[in-house]
N, C-alpha and C. Protein backbone atom coordinates (compact mmCIF):
# COMPACT_ATOMS: atom_id res chain seq x y z
N MET A 1 116.81 109.34 123.95
CA MET A 1 115.66 108.66 123.38
C MET A 1 114.69 109.67 122.77
N GLY A 2 114.64 110.90 123.29
CA GLY A 2 113.74 111.91 122.79
C GLY A 2 114.02 112.28 121.34
N LEU A 3 115.29 112.38 120.98
CA LEU A 3 115.66 112.72 119.61
C LEU A 3 115.19 111.64 118.65
N PHE A 4 115.39 110.38 119.06
CA PHE A 4 114.96 109.26 118.23
C PHE A 4 113.44 109.29 118.06
N ASP A 5 112.71 109.52 119.15
CA ASP A 5 111.24 109.60 119.08
C ASP A 5 110.79 110.73 118.17
N ASP A 6 111.45 111.89 118.30
CA ASP A 6 111.12 113.04 117.45
C ASP A 6 111.36 112.71 115.98
N PHE A 7 112.50 112.10 115.71
CA PHE A 7 112.84 111.73 114.34
C PHE A 7 111.85 110.70 113.80
N SER A 8 111.50 109.75 114.65
CA SER A 8 110.55 108.71 114.26
C SER A 8 109.19 109.34 113.94
N ARG A 9 108.72 110.25 114.79
CA ARG A 9 107.45 110.93 114.53
C ARG A 9 107.52 111.74 113.24
N PHE A 10 108.67 112.40 113.02
CA PHE A 10 108.86 113.18 111.80
C PHE A 10 108.72 112.29 110.58
N LEU A 11 109.38 111.13 110.61
CA LEU A 11 109.31 110.21 109.47
C LEU A 11 107.89 109.68 109.28
N GLU A 12 107.21 109.34 110.36
CA GLU A 12 105.84 108.86 110.26
C GLU A 12 104.94 109.94 109.66
N ASN A 13 105.12 111.18 110.10
CA ASN A 13 104.32 112.29 109.56
C ASN A 13 104.60 112.50 108.07
N ARG A 14 105.88 112.42 107.69
CA ARG A 14 106.24 112.57 106.28
C ARG A 14 105.62 111.43 105.44
N LEU A 15 105.68 110.23 105.99
CA LEU A 15 105.11 109.09 105.27
C LEU A 15 103.60 109.26 105.12
N GLU A 16 102.93 109.67 106.19
CA GLU A 16 101.48 109.89 106.11
C GLU A 16 101.16 110.98 105.09
N GLU A 17 101.93 112.07 105.10
CA GLU A 17 101.71 113.15 104.15
C GLU A 17 101.93 112.66 102.72
N PHE A 18 102.98 111.90 102.53
CA PHE A 18 103.30 111.36 101.22
C PHE A 18 102.16 110.46 100.73
N LEU A 19 101.67 109.61 101.62
CA LEU A 19 100.59 108.70 101.23
C LEU A 19 99.29 109.45 100.96
N ARG A 20 99.04 110.52 101.71
CA ARG A 20 97.84 111.33 101.43
C ARG A 20 97.94 111.96 100.04
N ASN A 21 99.15 112.37 99.67
CA ASN A 21 99.35 112.99 98.36
C ASN A 21 99.37 111.96 97.23
N ASN A 22 99.57 110.71 97.58
CA ASN A 22 99.62 109.63 96.60
C ASN A 22 98.71 108.48 97.07
N PRO A 23 97.40 108.69 97.00
CA PRO A 23 96.47 107.70 97.58
C PRO A 23 96.60 106.31 96.97
N HIS A 24 96.99 106.21 95.71
CA HIS A 24 97.15 104.89 95.11
C HIS A 24 98.25 104.10 95.82
N LEU A 25 99.28 104.79 96.30
CA LEU A 25 100.34 104.09 97.04
C LEU A 25 99.84 103.64 98.40
N GLU A 26 98.94 104.45 98.99
CA GLU A 26 98.36 104.06 100.27
C GLU A 26 97.53 102.78 100.10
N LEU A 27 96.78 102.71 99.01
CA LEU A 27 95.99 101.51 98.74
C LEU A 27 96.91 100.31 98.51
N ASP A 28 98.01 100.53 97.80
CA ASP A 28 98.97 99.44 97.58
C ASP A 28 99.56 98.96 98.90
N ALA A 29 99.89 99.91 99.78
CA ALA A 29 100.45 99.54 101.09
C ALA A 29 99.41 98.77 101.91
N LEU A 30 98.16 99.21 101.85
CA LEU A 30 97.09 98.53 102.57
C LEU A 30 96.88 97.12 102.02
N LEU A 31 96.95 96.99 100.70
CA LEU A 31 96.82 95.67 100.09
C LEU A 31 97.94 94.74 100.55
N ASP A 32 99.16 95.26 100.58
CA ASP A 32 100.30 94.46 101.06
C ASP A 32 100.07 94.02 102.50
N GLN A 33 99.60 94.94 103.32
CA GLN A 33 99.35 94.63 104.73
C GLN A 33 98.26 93.55 104.85
N LEU A 34 97.21 93.67 104.07
CA LEU A 34 96.13 92.69 104.11
C LEU A 34 96.60 91.32 103.61
N ARG A 35 97.44 91.33 102.58
CA ARG A 35 97.99 90.05 102.10
C ARG A 35 98.81 89.38 103.19
N GLN A 36 99.62 90.18 103.91
CA GLN A 36 100.44 89.62 104.99
C GLN A 36 99.56 89.08 106.11
N GLN A 37 98.51 89.83 106.46
CA GLN A 37 97.59 89.37 107.50
C GLN A 37 96.90 88.07 107.07
N GLU A 38 96.52 88.00 105.80
CA GLU A 38 95.87 86.80 105.29
C GLU A 38 96.83 85.60 105.38
N GLU A 39 98.08 85.83 104.97
CA GLU A 39 99.08 84.76 105.03
C GLU A 39 99.31 84.30 106.47
N ASP A 40 99.45 85.27 107.39
CA ASP A 40 99.66 84.93 108.81
C ASP A 40 98.46 84.15 109.37
N THR A 41 97.26 84.56 108.99
CA THR A 41 96.05 83.90 109.49
C THR A 41 95.95 82.48 108.92
N LEU A 42 96.33 82.31 107.66
CA LEU A 42 96.32 80.96 107.07
C LEU A 42 97.31 80.05 107.79
N LYS A 43 98.47 80.58 108.14
CA LYS A 43 99.46 79.80 108.89
C LYS A 43 98.91 79.43 110.27
N LEU A 44 98.26 80.40 110.93
CA LEU A 44 97.68 80.14 112.25
C LEU A 44 96.60 79.05 112.15
N ILE A 45 95.75 79.14 111.13
CA ILE A 45 94.70 78.14 110.95
C ILE A 45 95.31 76.75 110.75
N ALA A 46 96.33 76.66 109.92
CA ALA A 46 96.99 75.37 109.69
C ALA A 46 97.58 74.83 110.98
N ASP A 47 98.22 75.70 111.77
CA ASP A 47 98.81 75.28 113.05
C ASP A 47 97.72 74.81 114.02
N LEU A 48 96.62 75.55 114.09
CA LEU A 48 95.52 75.16 114.98
C LEU A 48 94.88 73.84 114.55
N GLN A 49 94.79 73.61 113.24
CA GLN A 49 94.24 72.35 112.76
C GLN A 49 95.13 71.17 113.15
N VAL A 50 96.45 71.37 113.07
CA VAL A 50 97.38 70.32 113.49
C VAL A 50 97.23 70.07 114.99
N GLN A 51 97.16 71.16 115.78
CA GLN A 51 96.99 71.01 117.23
C GLN A 51 95.67 70.31 117.56
N GLU A 52 94.61 70.66 116.83
CA GLU A 52 93.31 70.05 117.08
C GLU A 52 93.36 68.55 116.78
N LYS A 53 94.02 68.17 115.69
CA LYS A 53 94.14 66.75 115.34
C LYS A 53 94.92 66.00 116.42
N ARG A 54 96.02 66.59 116.89
CA ARG A 54 96.79 65.95 117.97
C ARG A 54 95.93 65.81 119.22
N SER A 55 95.18 66.86 119.52
CA SER A 55 94.33 66.84 120.71
C SER A 55 93.27 65.74 120.59
N GLN A 56 92.67 65.61 119.42
CA GLN A 56 91.66 64.56 119.21
C GLN A 56 92.29 63.18 119.37
N ASP A 57 93.48 63.00 118.81
CA ASP A 57 94.17 61.71 118.95
C ASP A 57 94.49 61.42 120.41
N ASP A 58 94.91 62.45 121.14
CA ASP A 58 95.24 62.30 122.56
C ASP A 58 93.98 61.93 123.37
N ILE A 59 92.87 62.58 123.05
CA ILE A 59 91.60 62.28 123.74
C ILE A 59 91.17 60.84 123.45
N LEU A 60 91.30 60.43 122.20
CA LEU A 60 90.94 59.06 121.83
C LEU A 60 91.80 58.05 122.59
N SER A 61 93.08 58.34 122.68
CA SER A 61 93.98 57.46 123.41
C SER A 61 93.60 57.38 124.90
N THR A 62 93.26 58.53 125.48
CA THR A 62 92.85 58.57 126.88
C THR A 62 91.53 57.81 127.06
N ALA A 63 90.60 57.95 126.12
CA ALA A 63 89.32 57.24 126.20
C ALA A 63 89.54 55.73 126.15
N GLN A 64 90.48 55.29 125.35
CA GLN A 64 90.78 53.86 125.28
C GLN A 64 91.38 53.37 126.61
N GLU A 65 92.22 54.20 127.21
CA GLU A 65 92.79 53.85 128.52
C GLU A 65 91.69 53.76 129.58
N ILE A 66 90.76 54.73 129.56
CA ILE A 66 89.64 54.72 130.51
C ILE A 66 88.83 53.43 130.35
N GLN A 67 88.56 53.08 129.10
CA GLN A 67 87.80 51.87 128.82
C GLN A 67 88.55 50.63 129.35
N ARG A 68 89.84 50.61 129.14
CA ARG A 68 90.64 49.47 129.61
C ARG A 68 90.58 49.35 131.13
N TRP A 69 90.68 50.49 131.84
CA TRP A 69 90.65 50.46 133.30
C TRP A 69 89.24 50.17 133.82
N HIS A 70 88.22 50.58 133.09
CA HIS A 70 86.84 50.28 133.48
C HIS A 70 86.62 48.75 133.43
N ILE A 71 87.11 48.13 132.39
CA ILE A 71 87.01 46.67 132.27
C ILE A 71 87.75 46.00 133.43
N ARG A 72 88.92 46.54 133.79
CA ARG A 72 89.70 45.97 134.89
C ARG A 72 88.96 46.11 136.23
N VAL A 73 88.28 47.26 136.41
CA VAL A 73 87.49 47.45 137.64
C VAL A 73 86.45 46.35 137.75
N GLN A 74 85.70 46.14 136.67
CA GLN A 74 84.65 45.11 136.67
C GLN A 74 85.23 43.71 136.89
N LYS A 75 86.34 43.47 136.24
CA LYS A 75 86.98 42.16 136.36
C LYS A 75 87.43 41.90 137.81
N ALA A 76 88.03 42.95 138.46
CA ALA A 76 88.49 42.81 139.85
C ALA A 76 87.30 42.64 140.79
N LYS A 77 86.19 43.37 140.55
CA LYS A 77 84.99 43.24 141.39
C LYS A 77 84.40 41.84 141.25
N ASP A 78 84.32 41.36 140.01
CA ASP A 78 83.77 40.02 139.77
C ASP A 78 84.61 38.94 140.45
N ALA A 79 85.90 39.18 140.53
CA ALA A 79 86.81 38.21 141.15
C ALA A 79 86.89 38.39 142.66
N GLY A 80 86.18 39.40 143.19
CA GLY A 80 86.18 39.63 144.64
C GLY A 80 87.45 40.32 145.13
N ARG A 81 88.18 40.92 144.25
CA ARG A 81 89.42 41.61 144.64
C ARG A 81 89.13 43.11 144.79
N GLN A 82 88.56 43.47 145.96
CA GLN A 82 88.20 44.86 146.22
C GLN A 82 89.42 45.78 146.26
N ASP A 83 90.56 45.27 146.73
CA ASP A 83 91.78 46.09 146.77
C ASP A 83 92.19 46.52 145.36
N LEU A 84 92.16 45.58 144.41
CA LEU A 84 92.50 45.91 143.01
C LEU A 84 91.39 46.75 142.37
N ALA A 85 90.16 46.46 142.69
CA ALA A 85 89.04 47.21 142.12
C ALA A 85 89.11 48.67 142.56
N ALA A 86 89.41 48.91 143.84
CA ALA A 86 89.50 50.29 144.34
C ALA A 86 90.64 51.04 143.67
N ALA A 87 91.80 50.39 143.53
CA ALA A 87 92.95 51.03 142.88
C ALA A 87 92.64 51.30 141.40
N ALA A 88 91.97 50.36 140.75
CA ALA A 88 91.61 50.53 139.34
C ALA A 88 90.59 51.66 139.17
N GLN A 89 89.66 51.79 140.13
CA GLN A 89 88.68 52.88 140.08
C GLN A 89 89.37 54.24 140.23
N GLU A 90 90.37 54.29 141.11
CA GLU A 90 91.14 55.54 141.28
C GLU A 90 91.84 55.91 139.97
N ARG A 91 92.45 54.89 139.34
CA ARG A 91 93.13 55.14 138.06
C ARG A 91 92.13 55.60 137.01
N GLU A 92 90.97 54.96 136.95
CA GLU A 92 89.93 55.33 135.99
C GLU A 92 89.46 56.76 136.23
N ALA A 93 89.27 57.13 137.50
CA ALA A 93 88.83 58.50 137.84
C ALA A 93 89.89 59.53 137.44
N ALA A 94 91.17 59.20 137.69
CA ALA A 94 92.25 60.11 137.31
C ALA A 94 92.29 60.30 135.79
N LEU A 95 92.08 59.22 135.07
CA LEU A 95 92.06 59.30 133.60
C LEU A 95 90.84 60.10 133.11
N LEU A 96 89.71 59.96 133.80
CA LEU A 96 88.53 60.75 133.43
C LEU A 96 88.78 62.24 133.61
N ARG A 97 89.42 62.61 134.75
CA ARG A 97 89.76 64.02 134.97
C ARG A 97 90.71 64.53 133.89
N GLU A 98 91.72 63.70 133.58
CA GLU A 98 92.68 64.07 132.53
C GLU A 98 91.97 64.22 131.19
N GLY A 99 91.06 63.30 130.90
CA GLY A 99 90.29 63.37 129.65
C GLY A 99 89.43 64.62 129.57
N ASN A 100 88.83 65.00 130.69
CA ASN A 100 88.02 66.23 130.72
C ASN A 100 88.88 67.46 130.45
N GLN A 101 90.09 67.49 131.03
CA GLN A 101 91.00 68.61 130.78
C GLN A 101 91.39 68.67 129.30
N LYS A 102 91.69 67.51 128.75
CA LYS A 102 92.05 67.45 127.33
C LYS A 102 90.88 67.88 126.45
N TRP A 103 89.68 67.48 126.84
CA TRP A 103 88.49 67.88 126.09
C TRP A 103 88.32 69.40 126.12
N GLY A 104 88.50 69.98 127.30
CA GLY A 104 88.41 71.44 127.43
C GLY A 104 89.45 72.14 126.57
N HIS A 105 90.66 71.59 126.57
CA HIS A 105 91.73 72.17 125.74
C HIS A 105 91.35 72.11 124.25
N MET A 106 90.80 70.97 123.83
CA MET A 106 90.41 70.82 122.43
C MET A 106 89.28 71.79 122.07
N GLN A 107 88.34 71.97 122.99
CA GLN A 107 87.26 72.92 122.73
C GLN A 107 87.81 74.34 122.56
N GLY A 108 88.81 74.67 123.39
CA GLY A 108 89.47 75.98 123.25
C GLY A 108 90.14 76.12 121.90
N LEU A 109 90.79 75.06 121.44
CA LEU A 109 91.42 75.08 120.11
C LEU A 109 90.38 75.26 119.01
N LYS A 110 89.25 74.57 119.15
CA LYS A 110 88.19 74.69 118.14
C LYS A 110 87.65 76.12 118.09
N GLU A 111 87.50 76.72 119.26
CA GLU A 111 87.01 78.10 119.32
C GLU A 111 88.01 79.05 118.64
N ARG A 112 89.28 78.87 118.95
CA ARG A 112 90.32 79.71 118.32
C ARG A 112 90.34 79.48 116.81
N LEU A 113 90.15 78.25 116.39
CA LEU A 113 90.13 77.93 114.96
C LEU A 113 88.95 78.61 114.28
N ASN A 114 87.77 78.56 114.91
CA ASN A 114 86.59 79.23 114.35
C ASN A 114 86.81 80.74 114.26
N GLN A 115 87.39 81.32 115.30
CA GLN A 115 87.66 82.76 115.30
C GLN A 115 88.66 83.12 114.20
N SER A 116 89.68 82.28 114.03
CA SER A 116 90.69 82.53 113.00
C SER A 116 90.09 82.43 111.60
N GLN A 117 89.20 81.46 111.41
CA GLN A 117 88.55 81.32 110.11
C GLN A 117 87.63 82.50 109.82
N GLU A 118 86.95 83.00 110.85
CA GLU A 118 86.11 84.18 110.67
C GLU A 118 86.97 85.40 110.35
N LEU A 119 88.09 85.53 111.05
CA LEU A 119 89.02 86.63 110.77
C LEU A 119 89.52 86.54 109.33
N LEU A 120 89.86 85.35 108.87
CA LEU A 120 90.32 85.17 107.50
C LEU A 120 89.25 85.62 106.50
N ARG A 121 88.00 85.25 106.76
CA ARG A 121 86.92 85.69 105.86
C ARG A 121 86.83 87.22 105.83
N LYS A 122 86.93 87.86 107.00
CA LYS A 122 86.86 89.32 107.05
C LYS A 122 88.04 89.96 106.31
N ILE A 123 89.23 89.39 106.48
CA ILE A 123 90.42 89.92 105.79
C ILE A 123 90.24 89.79 104.28
N GLN A 124 89.73 88.63 103.84
CA GLN A 124 89.55 88.42 102.40
C GLN A 124 88.51 89.38 101.82
N VAL A 125 87.45 89.63 102.56
CA VAL A 125 86.43 90.59 102.10
C VAL A 125 87.04 91.99 102.02
N ARG A 126 87.79 92.36 103.06
CA ARG A 126 88.42 93.69 103.09
C ARG A 126 89.42 93.82 101.94
N ARG A 127 90.19 92.77 101.69
CA ARG A 127 91.18 92.81 100.60
C ARG A 127 90.48 92.99 99.26
N GLN A 128 89.35 92.31 99.07
CA GLN A 128 88.60 92.47 97.82
C GLN A 128 88.08 93.90 97.67
N GLU A 129 87.63 94.47 98.80
CA GLU A 129 87.15 95.86 98.75
C GLU A 129 88.29 96.81 98.37
N VAL A 130 89.45 96.61 98.99
CA VAL A 130 90.60 97.48 98.71
C VAL A 130 91.08 97.28 97.28
N GLN A 131 91.06 96.03 96.80
CA GLN A 131 91.45 95.77 95.42
C GLN A 131 90.51 96.50 94.46
N ALA A 132 89.23 96.50 94.78
CA ALA A 132 88.26 97.20 93.93
C ALA A 132 88.54 98.70 93.94
N LYS A 133 88.83 99.25 95.13
CA LYS A 133 89.16 100.68 95.22
C LYS A 133 90.44 100.98 94.45
N ALA A 134 91.43 100.09 94.56
CA ALA A 134 92.70 100.30 93.87
C ALA A 134 92.49 100.26 92.36
N ALA A 135 91.65 99.33 91.90
CA ALA A 135 91.35 99.25 90.47
C ALA A 135 90.63 100.51 90.00
N GLU A 136 89.71 100.99 90.83
CA GLU A 136 88.99 102.22 90.49
C GLU A 136 89.94 103.42 90.45
N ALA A 137 90.84 103.47 91.44
CA ALA A 137 91.82 104.56 91.48
C ALA A 137 92.74 104.49 90.26
N GLN A 138 93.15 103.29 89.88
CA GLN A 138 94.00 103.10 88.70
C GLN A 138 93.26 103.57 87.45
N LYS A 139 91.98 103.21 87.36
CA LYS A 139 91.18 103.61 86.21
C LYS A 139 91.05 105.14 86.16
N THR A 140 90.79 105.74 87.32
CA THR A 140 90.66 107.20 87.39
C THR A 140 91.97 107.87 87.00
N ARG A 141 93.07 107.34 87.52
CA ARG A 141 94.39 107.90 87.21
C ARG A 141 94.67 107.79 85.72
N ALA A 142 94.34 106.66 85.11
CA ALA A 142 94.57 106.46 83.68
C ALA A 142 93.71 107.44 82.87
N GLN A 143 92.45 107.63 83.30
CA GLN A 143 91.58 108.57 82.59
C GLN A 143 92.11 110.00 82.70
N THR A 144 92.57 110.36 83.90
CA THR A 144 93.12 111.70 84.11
C THR A 144 94.35 111.92 83.24
N GLN A 145 95.22 110.93 83.20
CA GLN A 145 96.42 111.04 82.37
C GLN A 145 96.06 111.13 80.90
N ALA A 146 95.06 110.35 80.49
CA ALA A 146 94.63 110.38 79.10
C ALA A 146 94.04 111.75 78.75
N GLN A 147 93.25 112.31 79.68
CA GLN A 147 92.68 113.64 79.45
C GLN A 147 93.77 114.70 79.37
N GLN A 148 94.76 114.60 80.26
CA GLN A 148 95.87 115.55 80.24
C GLN A 148 96.64 115.44 78.93
N GLN A 149 96.86 114.24 78.49
CA GLN A 149 97.59 114.02 77.23
C GLN A 149 96.78 114.56 76.06
N GLN A 150 95.46 114.35 76.13
CA GLN A 150 94.61 114.84 75.06
C GLN A 150 94.64 116.37 75.01
N ARG A 151 94.61 117.02 76.20
CA ARG A 151 94.69 118.48 76.25
C ARG A 151 96.01 118.96 75.67
N ILE A 152 97.07 118.26 76.01
CA ILE A 152 98.39 118.65 75.49
C ILE A 152 98.39 118.51 73.98
N ASP A 153 97.85 117.38 73.51
CA ASP A 153 97.81 117.15 72.06
C ASP A 153 96.92 118.18 71.37
N THR A 154 95.76 118.49 71.96
CA THR A 154 94.82 119.41 71.35
C THR A 154 95.32 120.85 71.40
N ASN A 155 95.83 121.25 72.56
CA ASN A 155 96.27 122.64 72.73
C ASN A 155 97.58 122.92 72.03
N GLY A 156 98.36 121.94 71.80
CA GLY A 156 99.69 122.22 71.27
C GLY A 156 99.92 121.73 69.86
N TRP A 157 98.85 121.36 69.13
CA TRP A 157 99.06 120.81 67.79
C TRP A 157 99.67 121.82 66.86
N TRP A 158 99.40 123.09 67.13
CA TRP A 158 99.89 124.14 66.25
C TRP A 158 101.31 124.54 66.59
N ASN A 159 101.78 124.13 67.76
CA ASN A 159 103.11 124.53 68.21
C ASN A 159 104.14 123.64 67.53
N SER A 160 105.09 124.24 66.91
CA SER A 160 106.09 123.45 66.20
C SER A 160 106.97 122.65 67.15
N SER A 161 107.01 123.06 68.41
CA SER A 161 107.85 122.35 69.38
C SER A 161 107.05 121.33 70.17
N THR A 162 105.90 120.93 69.65
CA THR A 162 105.03 120.00 70.37
C THR A 162 105.75 118.71 70.70
N SER A 163 106.46 118.15 69.74
CA SER A 163 107.12 116.87 69.98
C SER A 163 108.19 117.00 71.06
N SER A 164 108.96 118.07 71.02
CA SER A 164 109.99 118.22 72.05
C SER A 164 109.35 118.55 73.39
N SER A 165 108.25 119.32 73.38
CA SER A 165 107.54 119.65 74.61
C SER A 165 106.98 118.38 75.25
N ARG A 166 106.41 117.51 74.42
CA ARG A 166 105.85 116.27 74.92
C ARG A 166 106.95 115.39 75.50
N SER A 167 108.07 115.32 74.84
CA SER A 167 109.15 114.49 75.37
C SER A 167 109.67 115.05 76.69
N PHE A 168 109.67 116.41 76.81
CA PHE A 168 110.06 117.00 78.09
C PHE A 168 109.03 116.70 79.16
N ASP A 169 107.72 116.74 78.79
CA ASP A 169 106.67 116.40 79.75
C ASP A 169 106.79 114.95 80.19
N ASP A 170 107.08 114.07 79.23
CA ASP A 170 107.28 112.66 79.57
C ASP A 170 108.47 112.50 80.51
N LEU A 171 109.53 113.22 80.20
CA LEU A 171 110.72 113.16 81.05
C LEU A 171 110.40 113.70 82.44
N GLU A 172 109.65 114.79 82.49
CA GLU A 172 109.25 115.35 83.79
C GLU A 172 108.43 114.32 84.58
N GLU A 173 107.50 113.66 83.91
CA GLU A 173 106.66 112.66 84.56
C GLU A 173 107.51 111.49 85.06
N LYS A 174 108.45 111.05 84.24
CA LYS A 174 109.32 109.95 84.64
C LYS A 174 110.14 110.33 85.88
N PHE A 175 110.68 111.55 85.88
CA PHE A 175 111.46 111.98 87.04
C PHE A 175 110.58 112.10 88.28
N ARG A 176 109.39 112.63 88.13
CA ARG A 176 108.48 112.74 89.29
C ARG A 176 108.16 111.36 89.86
N ARG A 177 107.84 110.44 88.98
CA ARG A 177 107.54 109.08 89.43
C ARG A 177 108.74 108.45 90.13
N TRP A 178 109.91 108.61 89.52
CA TRP A 178 111.13 108.04 90.10
C TRP A 178 111.43 108.69 91.45
N GLU A 179 111.31 110.00 91.55
CA GLU A 179 111.58 110.70 92.82
C GLU A 179 110.57 110.29 93.89
N THR A 180 109.32 110.13 93.49
CA THR A 180 108.29 109.70 94.44
C THR A 180 108.59 108.30 94.97
N GLU A 181 108.90 107.39 94.07
CA GLU A 181 109.22 106.03 94.49
C GLU A 181 110.47 105.99 95.35
N ASP A 182 111.47 106.79 95.00
CA ASP A 182 112.71 106.85 95.77
C ASP A 182 112.44 107.38 97.18
N GLU A 183 111.61 108.41 97.26
CA GLU A 183 111.28 108.98 98.58
C GLU A 183 110.52 107.97 99.44
N LEU A 184 109.60 107.23 98.82
CA LEU A 184 108.86 106.21 99.55
C LEU A 184 109.79 105.11 100.05
N GLU A 185 110.69 104.66 99.20
CA GLU A 185 111.65 103.62 99.61
C GLU A 185 112.52 104.10 100.76
N GLU A 186 112.96 105.35 100.70
CA GLU A 186 113.77 105.91 101.77
C GLU A 186 113.00 105.94 103.09
N MET A 187 111.72 106.33 103.02
CA MET A 187 110.91 106.35 104.23
C MET A 187 110.71 104.95 104.78
N LYS A 188 110.48 103.99 103.89
CA LYS A 188 110.32 102.61 104.35
C LYS A 188 111.58 102.11 105.03
N ARG A 189 112.74 102.41 104.44
CA ARG A 189 114.01 101.98 105.06
C ARG A 189 114.16 102.61 106.43
N ASN A 190 113.85 103.89 106.53
CA ASN A 190 113.99 104.58 107.81
C ASN A 190 113.03 104.02 108.85
N LEU A 191 111.80 103.72 108.42
CA LEU A 191 110.84 103.13 109.36
C LEU A 191 111.25 101.73 109.75
N GLY A 192 111.85 101.00 108.84
CA GLY A 192 112.31 99.65 109.13
C GLY A 192 113.44 99.62 110.14
N LYS A 193 114.17 100.72 110.26
CA LYS A 193 115.30 100.78 111.22
C LYS A 193 114.84 101.05 112.63
N LYS A 194 113.55 101.42 112.80
CA LYS A 194 113.02 101.70 114.14
C LYS A 194 113.14 100.54 114.97
């Protein structure tokens, strides 16, 4: 198990190093994570809402049963049937206890639903913040690339091999991008095997 742990730590360290060197990818990964959390929270909220509706229906049904047994208690007392009245009161009391438990359960569901909705709001705010940072990082990266291209164009206009140099620079950039993406995918696959 030690070798696996060592290898796992090595991969995590490499991934962290890679992401530090490519902050835009870290923002993309964070955005993906936030989107997944938002989706999971939305599913949880929908599930809690369904549970809350069932709980409310169950409480209503129990309340109707309590009302029915309360009427029976009165009817038995009015008729002088204390034996039936006592049994009906016991049933009514048992239903009241059951109704109180169901009410407590529903209140717990409402609390969880409120907490989940608050969590969703926080996730959405955080996602918007990260999206803004990602957009800013993209803008900065585009400006940097434009400045680099301008320097190449300005510094090399007199060089007769400018066009071939530029195509080699483009090729170099394409290979770097491809190698970076390939390395990230490899790390993700390795982490997924954990």
